Amino acid sequence: MNIRKMNDEQLERIKGGGVTVWTGIAITAIVIFLSGVIEGITNPKRCNG
């Protein structure tokens, strides 16, 4: 195993696998959609039309 000491500039350039804003929005949208589907299955109501 090769271990080396990195300076601050090198550490700041490291990009990790963090969650971006768009990923968070997509996950939230999927959760909201699935909760609506589950609610529709467990508590069906007629349309008022």
PDB file of N, CA and C in Angstrom:
ATOM      1  N   MET A   1       0.840  -1.163   0.000  1.00  0.00           N
ATOM      2  CA  MET A   1       0.000   0.000   0.000  1.00  0.00           C
ATOM      3  C   MET A   1       0.892   1.234   0.000  1.00  0.00           C
ATOM      4  N   ASN A   2       0.492   2.208  -0.825  1.00  0.00           N
ATOM      5  CA  ASN A   2       1.277   3.425  -0.964  1.00  0.00           C
ATOM      6  C   ASN A   2       0.527   4.581  -0.294  1.00  0.00           C
ATOM      7  N   ILE A   3       1.079   5.129   0.754  1.00  0.00           N
ATOM      8  CA  ILE A   3       0.462   6.237   1.479  1.00  0.00           C
ATOM      9  C   ILE A   3       1.342   7.468   1.293  1.00  0.00           C
ATOM     10  N   ARG A   4       0.702   8.589   0.935  1.00  0.00           N
ATOM     11  CA  ARG A   4       1.462   9.819   0.788  1.00  0.00           C
ATOM     12  C   ARG A   4       0.698  10.964   1.444  1.00  0.00           C
ATOM     13  N   LYS A   5       1.426  11.953   1.860  1.00  0.00           N
ATOM     14  CA  LYS A   5       0.830  13.114   2.515  1.00  0.00           C
ATOM     15  C   LYS A   5       0.408  14.113   1.447  1.00  0.00           C
ATOM     16  N   MET A   6      -0.823  14.627   1.574  1.00  0.00           N
ATOM     17  CA  MET A   6      -1.348  15.577   0.599  1.00  0.00           C
ATOM     18  C   MET A   6      -1.434  16.954   1.237  1.00  0.00           C
ATOM     19  N   ASN A   7      -1.210  17.980   0.398  1.00  0.00           N
ATOM     20  CA  ASN A   7      -1.340  19.342   0.915  1.00  0.00           C
ATOM     21  C   ASN A   7      -2.794  19.807   0.809  1.00  0.00           C
ATOM     22  N   ASP A   8      -3.075  20.985   1.322  1.00  0.00           N
ATOM     23  CA  ASP A   8      -4.452  21.484   1.365  1.00  0.00           C
ATOM     24  C   ASP A   8      -5.057  21.634  -0.034  1.00  0.00           C
ATOM     25  N   GLU A   9      -4.264  22.098  -0.990  1.00  0.00           N
ATOM     26  CA  GLU A   9      -4.781  22.296  -2.347  1.00  0.00           C
ATOM     27  C   GLU A   9      -5.213  20.970  -2.959  1.00  0.00           C
ATOM     28  N   GLN A  10      -4.426  19.934  -2.775  1.00  0.00           N
ATOM     29  CA  GLN A  10      -4.779  18.622  -3.298  1.00  0.00           C
ATOM     30  C   GLN A  10      -6.033  18.076  -2.610  1.00  0.00           C
ATOM     31  N   LEU A  11      -6.172  18.316  -1.319  1.00  0.00           N
ATOM     32  CA  LEU A  11      -7.340  17.834  -0.595  1.00  0.00           C
ATOM     33  C   LEU A  11      -8.613  18.531  -1.064  1.00  0.00           C
ATOM     34  N   GLU A  12      -8.531  19.823  -1.401  1.00  0.00           N
ATOM     35  CA  GLU A  12      -9.700  20.566  -1.848  1.00  0.00           C
ATOM     36  C   GLU A  12     -10.158  20.135  -3.236  1.00  0.00           C
ATOM     37  N   ARG A  13      -9.265  19.576  -4.047  1.00  0.00           N
ATOM     38  CA  ARG A  13      -9.625  19.145  -5.394  1.00  0.00           C
ATOM     39  C   ARG A  13     -10.271  17.766  -5.427  1.00  0.00           C
ATOM     40  N   ILE A  14     -10.311  17.074  -4.308  1.00  0.00           N
ATOM     41  CA  ILE A  14     -10.906  15.741  -4.279  1.00  0.00           C
ATOM     42  C   ILE A  14     -12.417  15.881  -4.385  1.00  0.00           C
ATOM     43  N   LYS A  15     -12.997  15.151  -5.333  1.00  0.00           N
ATOM     44  CA  LYS A  15     -14.445  15.164  -5.513  1.00  0.00           C
ATOM     45  C   LYS A  15     -14.977  13.821  -5.036  1.00  0.00           C
ATOM     46  N   GLY A  16     -15.939  13.890  -4.143  1.00  0.00           N
ATOM     47  CA  GLY A  16     -16.527  12.668  -3.602  1.00  0.00           C
ATOM     48  C   GLY A  16     -17.852  12.352  -4.278  1.00  0.00           C
ATOM     49  N   GLY A  17     -18.523  11.369  -3.796  1.00  0.00           N
ATOM     50  CA  GLY A  17     -19.805  10.957  -4.343  1.00  0.00           C
ATOM     51  C   GLY A  17     -20.957  11.573  -3.590  1.00  0.00           C
ATOM     52  N   GLY A  18     -20.876  12.844  -3.329  1.00  0.00           N
ATOM     53  CA  GLY A  18     -21.909  13.532  -2.562  1.00  0.00           C
ATOM     54  C   GLY A  18     -23.207  13.654  -3.330  1.00  0.00           C
ATOM     55  N   VAL A  19     -24.283  13.885  -2.607  1.00  0.00           N
ATOM     56  CA  VAL A  19     -25.601  14.054  -3.201  1.00  0.00           C
ATOM     57  C   VAL A  19     -25.746  15.512  -3.634  1.00  0.00           C
ATOM     58  N   THR A  20     -26.076  15.713  -4.902  1.00  0.00           N
ATOM     59  CA  THR A  20     -26.282  17.065  -5.405  1.00  0.00           C
ATOM     60  C   THR A  20     -27.712  17.501  -5.123  1.00  0.00           C
ATOM     61  N   VAL A  21     -27.997  18.761  -5.375  1.00  0.00           N
ATOM     62  CA  VAL A  21     -29.340  19.292  -5.163  1.00  0.00           C
ATOM     63  C   VAL A  21     -30.342  18.571  -6.065  1.00  0.00           C
ATOM     64  N   TRP A  22     -29.952  18.327  -7.312  1.00  0.00           N
ATOM     65  CA  TRP A  22     -30.866  17.668  -8.257  1.00  0.00           C
ATOM     66  C   TRP A  22     -31.151  16.229  -7.847  1.00  0.00           C
ATOM     67  N   THR A  23     -30.171  15.560  -7.285  1.00  0.00           N
ATOM     68  CA  THR A  23     -30.395  14.208  -6.795  1.00  0.00           C
ATOM     69  C   THR A  23     -31.376  14.229  -5.638  1.00  0.00           C
ATOM     70  N   GLY A  24     -31.233  15.182  -4.747  1.00  0.00           N
ATOM     71  CA  GLY A  24     -32.160  15.321  -3.625  1.00  0.00           C
ATOM     72  C   GLY A  24     -33.573  15.615  -4.086  1.00  0.00           C
ATOM     73  N   ILE A  25     -33.715  16.489  -5.096  1.00  0.00           N
ATOM     74  CA  ILE A  25     -35.035  16.812  -5.634  1.00  0.00           C
ATOM     75  C   ILE A  25     -35.658  15.584  -6.287  1.00  0.00           C
ATOM     76  N   ALA A  26     -34.872  14.826  -7.030  1.00  0.00           N
ATOM     77  CA  ALA A  26     -35.390  13.630  -7.688  1.00  0.00           C
ATOM     78  C   ALA A  26     -35.838  12.585  -6.670  1.00  0.00           C
ATOM     79  N   ILE A  27     -35.048  12.369  -5.632  1.00  0.00           N
ATOM     80  CA  ILE A  27     -35.410  11.398  -4.600  1.00  0.00           C
ATOM     81  C   ILE A  27     -36.689  11.852  -3.892  1.00  0.00           C
ATOM     82  N   THR A  28     -36.803  13.142  -3.581  1.00  0.00           N
ATOM     83  CA  THR A  28     -37.999  13.668  -2.929  1.00  0.00           C
ATOM     84  C   THR A  28     -39.225  13.483  -3.812  1.00  0.00           C
ATOM     85  N   ALA A  29     -39.095  13.751  -5.102  1.00  0.00           N
ATOM     86  CA  ALA A  29     -40.222  13.593  -6.026  1.00  0.00           C
ATOM     87  C   ALA A  29     -40.670  12.133  -6.105  1.00  0.00           C
ATOM     88  N   ILE A  30     -39.722  11.222  -6.134  1.00  0.00           N
ATOM     89  CA  ILE A  30     -40.063   9.790  -6.191  1.00  0.00           C
ATOM     90  C   ILE A  30     -40.782   9.363  -4.918  1.00  0.00           C
ATOM     91  N   VAL A  31     -40.305   9.819  -3.771  1.00  0.00           N
ATOM     92  CA  VAL A  31     -40.941   9.463  -2.491  1.00  0.00           C
ATOM     93  C   VAL A  31     -42.363  10.012  -2.433  1.00  0.00           C
ATOM     94  N   ILE A  32     -42.569  11.257  -2.862  1.00  0.00           N
ATOM     95  CA  ILE A  32     -43.906  11.848  -2.850  1.00  0.00           C
ATOM     96  C   ILE A  32     -44.835  11.089  -3.797  1.00  0.00           C
ATOM     97  N   PHE A  33     -44.349  10.747  -4.968  1.00  0.00           N
ATOM     98  CA  PHE A  33     -45.165  10.006  -5.935  1.00  0.00           C
ATOM     99  C   PHE A  33     -45.552   8.642  -5.380  1.00  0.00           C
ATOM    100  N   LEU A  34     -44.582   7.922  -4.826  1.00  0.00           N
ATOM    101  CA  LEU A  34     -44.873   6.593  -4.289  1.00  0.00           C
ATOM    102  C   LEU A  34     -45.824   6.663  -3.101  1.00  0.00           C
ATOM    103  N   SER A  35     -45.699   7.697  -2.265  1.00  0.00           N
ATOM    104  CA  SER A  35     -46.627   7.824  -1.143  1.00  0.00           C
ATOM    105  C   SER A  35     -48.041   8.096  -1.654  1.00  0.00           C
ATOM    106  N   GLY A  36     -48.184   8.836  -2.729  1.00  0.00           N
ATOM    107  CA  GLY A  36     -49.501   9.057  -3.338  1.00  0.00           C
ATOM    108  C   GLY A  36     -50.086   7.781  -3.914  1.00  0.00           C
ATOM    109  N   VAL A  37     -49.254   6.973  -4.550  1.00  0.00           N
ATOM    110  CA  VAL A  37     -49.720   5.694  -5.097  1.00  0.00           C
ATOM    111  C   VAL A  37     -50.176   4.773  -3.965  1.00  0.00           C
ATOM    112  N   ILE A  38     -49.386   4.692  -2.906  1.00  0.00           N
ATOM    113  CA  ILE A  38     -49.742   3.825  -1.776  1.00  0.00           C
ATOM    114  C   ILE A  38     -51.028   4.317  -1.111  1.00  0.00           C
ATOM    115  N   GLU A  39     -51.171   5.629  -0.943  1.00  0.00           N
ATOM    116  CA  GLU A  39     -52.388   6.172  -0.348  1.00  0.00           C
ATOM    117  C   GLU A  39     -53.599   5.888  -1.238  1.00  0.00           C
ATOM    118  N   GLY A  40     -53.419   5.993  -2.542  1.00  0.00           N
ATOM    119  CA  GLY A  40     -54.515   5.702  -3.467  1.00  0.00           C
ATOM    120  C   GLY A  40     -54.947   4.248  -3.419  1.00  0.00           C
ATOM    121  N   ILE A  41     -54.023   3.351  -3.181  1.00  0.00           N
ATOM    122  CA  ILE A  41     -54.355   1.926  -3.092  1.00  0.00           C
ATOM    123  C   ILE A  41     -55.027   1.612  -1.762  1.00  0.00           C
ATOM    124  N   THR A  42     -54.511   2.185  -0.681  1.00  0.00           N
ATOM    125  CA  THR A  42     -55.030   1.853   0.645  1.00  0.00           C
ATOM    126  C   THR A  42     -56.269   2.656   1.023  1.00  0.00           C
ATOM    127  N   ASN A  43     -56.505   3.820   0.398  1.00  0.00           N
ATOM    128  CA  ASN A  43     -57.633   4.674   0.755  1.00  0.00           C
ATOM    129  C   ASN A  43     -58.265   5.239  -0.516  1.00  0.00           C
ATOM    130  N   PRO A  44     -58.900   4.378  -1.321  1.00  0.00           N
ATOM    131  CA  PRO A  44     -59.447   4.863  -2.606  1.00  0.00           C
ATOM    132  C   PRO A  44     -60.662   5.748  -2.391  1.00  0.00           C
ATOM    133  N   LYS A  45     -60.746   6.824  -3.163  1.00  0.00           N
ATOM    134  CA  LYS A  45     -61.897   7.734  -3.137  1.00  0.00           C
ATOM    135  C   LYS A  45     -62.354   7.970  -4.571  1.00  0.00           C
ATOM    136  N   ARG A  46     -63.625   8.215  -4.723  1.00  0.00           N
ATOM    137  CA  ARG A  46     -64.153   8.482  -6.055  1.00  0.00           C
ATOM    138  C   ARG A  46     -63.829   9.907  -6.465  1.00  0.00           C
ATOM    139  N   CYS A  47     -63.692  10.116  -7.744  1.00  0.00           N
ATOM    140  CA  CYS A  47     -63.485  11.458  -8.273  1.00  0.00           C
ATOM    141  C   CYS A  47     -64.788  12.243  -8.180  1.00  0.00           C
ATOM    142  N   ASN A  48     -64.732  13.539  -8.017  1.00  0.00           N
ATOM    143  CA  ASN A  48     -65.926  14.373  -7.918  1.00  0.00           C
ATOM    144  C   ASN A  48     -66.365  14.880  -9.264  1.00  0.00           C
ATOM    145  N   GLY A  49     -66.155  14.141 -10.301  1.00  0.00           N
ATOM    146  CA  GLY A  49     -66.486  14.625 -11.620  1.00  0.00           C
ATOM    147  C   GLY A  49     -67.478  13.819 -12.243  1.00  0.00           C
TER     148      GLY A  49
END
